Amino acid sequence: MRPLICFCTALMASPAFAEGFDRPIPQAQSATAELWYGLACLALIAAMVVVQRLVSRR
């Protein structure tokens, strides 16, 4: 029984059953996504300035 299981496992793992890899196509970034990214960048910079001021006071 063990050789049969090994044979079936080897047969199922063979490259003949594998599908080819299709590279994902990158999507264009929308204007809304660019706006939210810009706002997030500004919020990050503002948060870093606030943290720097809090740390420099101590």
N, C-alpha and C. Protein backbone atom coordinates (compact mmCIF):
# COMPACT_ATOMS: atom_id res chain seq x y z
N MET A 1 0.82 -1.20 0.00
CA MET A 1 0.00 0.00 0.00
C MET A 1 0.87 1.26 0.00
N ARG A 2 1.99 1.22 0.71
CA ARG A 2 2.87 2.38 0.78
C ARG A 2 3.44 2.76 -0.59
N PRO A 3 3.90 1.81 -1.41
CA PRO A 3 4.39 2.21 -2.74
C PRO A 3 3.30 2.83 -3.60
N LEU A 4 2.07 2.37 -3.45
CA LEU A 4 0.98 2.94 -4.22
C LEU A 4 0.73 4.39 -3.81
N ILE A 5 0.79 4.67 -2.52
CA ILE A 5 0.60 6.04 -2.02
C ILE A 5 1.73 6.94 -2.52
N CYS A 6 2.96 6.45 -2.48
CA CYS A 6 4.09 7.23 -2.96
C CYS A 6 3.97 7.50 -4.46
N PHE A 7 3.54 6.50 -5.21
CA PHE A 7 3.38 6.67 -6.66
C PHE A 7 2.29 7.71 -6.95
N CYS A 8 1.17 7.63 -6.27
CA CYS A 8 0.08 8.58 -6.49
C CYS A 8 0.49 10.00 -6.10
N THR A 9 1.22 10.12 -5.03
CA THR A 9 1.69 11.43 -4.58
C THR A 9 2.66 12.03 -5.61
N ALA A 10 3.59 11.21 -6.10
CA ALA A 10 4.55 11.67 -7.10
C ALA A 10 3.83 12.04 -8.41
N LEU A 11 2.82 11.28 -8.76
CA LEU A 11 2.08 11.55 -9.99
C LEU A 11 1.30 12.86 -9.88
N MET A 12 0.69 13.10 -8.74
CA MET A 12 -0.11 14.32 -8.57
C MET A 12 0.77 15.57 -8.46
N ALA A 13 2.01 15.41 -8.02
CA ALA A 13 2.90 16.55 -7.85
C ALA A 13 3.73 16.81 -9.11
N SER A 14 3.48 16.10 -10.17
CA SER A 14 4.29 16.27 -11.37
C SER A 14 3.98 17.60 -12.06
N PRO A 15 4.93 18.15 -12.77
CA PRO A 15 4.72 19.43 -13.45
C PRO A 15 3.68 19.37 -14.56
N ALA A 16 3.30 18.18 -15.00
CA ALA A 16 2.31 18.08 -16.06
C ALA A 16 0.96 18.65 -15.63
N PHE A 17 0.66 18.60 -14.33
CA PHE A 17 -0.61 19.11 -13.83
C PHE A 17 -0.52 20.58 -13.42
N ALA A 18 0.67 21.14 -13.42
CA ALA A 18 0.85 22.52 -12.99
C ALA A 18 0.46 23.48 -14.10
N GLU A 19 -0.12 24.59 -13.71
CA GLU A 19 -0.47 25.63 -14.66
C GLU A 19 0.68 26.61 -14.79
N GLY A 20 0.79 27.26 -15.93
CA GLY A 20 1.82 28.26 -16.12
C GLY A 20 1.53 29.49 -15.28
N PHE A 21 2.57 30.22 -14.96
CA PHE A 21 2.42 31.43 -14.14
C PHE A 21 2.07 32.60 -15.03
N ASP A 22 0.96 33.26 -14.74
CA ASP A 22 0.56 34.46 -15.45
C ASP A 22 0.89 35.65 -14.58
N ARG A 23 1.77 36.50 -15.09
CA ARG A 23 2.18 37.67 -14.31
C ARG A 23 0.99 38.62 -14.16
N PRO A 24 0.81 39.18 -12.97
CA PRO A 24 -0.30 40.12 -12.77
C PRO A 24 -0.04 41.42 -13.54
N ILE A 25 -1.10 41.98 -14.06
CA ILE A 25 -0.99 43.23 -14.80
C ILE A 25 -1.27 44.37 -13.81
N PRO A 26 -0.32 45.28 -13.64
CA PRO A 26 -0.55 46.37 -12.70
C PRO A 26 -1.65 47.31 -13.20
N GLN A 27 -2.47 47.73 -12.29
CA GLN A 27 -3.56 48.63 -12.62
C GLN A 27 -3.09 50.08 -12.49
N ALA A 28 -3.63 50.93 -13.32
CA ALA A 28 -3.29 52.35 -13.24
C ALA A 28 -3.88 52.93 -11.95
N GLN A 29 -3.17 53.88 -11.39
CA GLN A 29 -3.63 54.50 -10.16
C GLN A 29 -4.63 55.61 -10.50
N SER A 30 -5.74 55.61 -9.82
CA SER A 30 -6.77 56.60 -10.11
C SER A 30 -6.44 57.93 -9.43
N ALA A 31 -7.12 58.97 -9.86
CA ALA A 31 -6.90 60.29 -9.27
C ALA A 31 -7.32 60.31 -7.80
N THR A 32 -8.36 59.55 -7.49
CA THR A 32 -8.81 59.49 -6.09
C THR A 32 -7.75 58.83 -5.21
N ALA A 33 -7.14 57.78 -5.72
CA ALA A 33 -6.09 57.10 -4.96
C ALA A 33 -4.89 58.01 -4.76
N GLU A 34 -4.55 58.79 -5.78
CA GLU A 34 -3.44 59.73 -5.65
C GLU A 34 -3.75 60.81 -4.62
N LEU A 35 -5.00 61.27 -4.59
CA LEU A 35 -5.41 62.28 -3.61
C LEU A 35 -5.28 61.73 -2.19
N TRP A 36 -5.80 60.53 -1.95
CA TRP A 36 -5.72 59.93 -0.62
C TRP A 36 -4.28 59.66 -0.22
N TYR A 37 -3.44 59.25 -1.18
CA TYR A 37 -2.02 59.03 -0.88
C TYR A 37 -1.35 60.35 -0.48
N GLY A 38 -1.66 61.42 -1.21
CA GLY A 38 -1.09 62.72 -0.88
C GLY A 38 -1.53 63.20 0.50
N LEU A 39 -2.81 63.01 0.81
CA LEU A 39 -3.29 63.40 2.13
C LEU A 39 -2.64 62.56 3.23
N ALA A 40 -2.45 61.29 2.98
CA ALA A 40 -1.80 60.42 3.97
C ALA A 40 -0.35 60.84 4.19
N CYS A 41 0.33 61.23 3.12
CA CYS A 41 1.71 61.70 3.26
C CYS A 41 1.78 62.97 4.10
N LEU A 42 0.87 63.90 3.83
CA LEU A 42 0.84 65.14 4.62
C LEU A 42 0.50 64.87 6.08
N ALA A 43 -0.42 63.94 6.34
CA ALA A 43 -0.76 63.59 7.71
C ALA A 43 0.43 62.94 8.42
N LEU A 44 1.17 62.13 7.72
CA LEU A 44 2.36 61.50 8.31
C LEU A 44 3.40 62.55 8.66
N ILE A 45 3.63 63.47 7.76
CA ILE A 45 4.61 64.54 8.04
C ILE A 45 4.15 65.39 9.22
N ALA A 46 2.86 65.72 9.28
CA ALA A 46 2.34 66.50 10.41
C ALA A 46 2.50 65.73 11.72
N ALA A 47 2.24 64.44 11.70
CA ALA A 47 2.39 63.64 12.92
C ALA A 47 3.85 63.58 13.35
N MET A 48 4.76 63.50 12.39
CA MET A 48 6.19 63.47 12.74
C MET A 48 6.64 64.80 13.34
N VAL A 49 6.09 65.91 12.84
CA VAL A 49 6.43 67.23 13.39
C VAL A 49 5.91 67.34 14.82
N VAL A 50 4.69 66.87 15.05
CA VAL A 50 4.12 66.92 16.41
C VAL A 50 4.95 66.07 17.37
N VAL A 51 5.34 64.88 16.95
CA VAL A 51 6.15 64.01 17.81
C VAL A 51 7.50 64.66 18.09
N GLN A 52 8.10 65.27 17.08
CA GLN A 52 9.40 65.92 17.28
C GLN A 52 9.29 67.05 18.28
N ARG A 53 8.21 67.82 18.21
CA ARG A 53 8.02 68.92 19.19
C ARG A 53 7.81 68.39 20.60
N LEU A 54 7.04 67.29 20.71
CA LEU A 54 6.82 66.70 22.04
C LEU A 54 8.10 66.16 22.63
N VAL A 55 8.91 65.54 21.81
CA VAL A 55 10.16 64.95 22.30
C VAL A 55 11.17 66.03 22.66
N SER A 56 11.21 67.10 21.88
CA SER A 56 12.21 68.15 22.14
C SER A 56 11.89 68.94 23.41
N ARG A 57 10.65 68.95 23.85
CA ARG A 57 10.28 69.67 25.07
C ARG A 57 10.76 68.94 26.33
N ARG A 58 10.92 67.65 26.24
CA ARG A 58 11.29 66.89 27.44
C ARG A 58 12.76 66.86 27.66
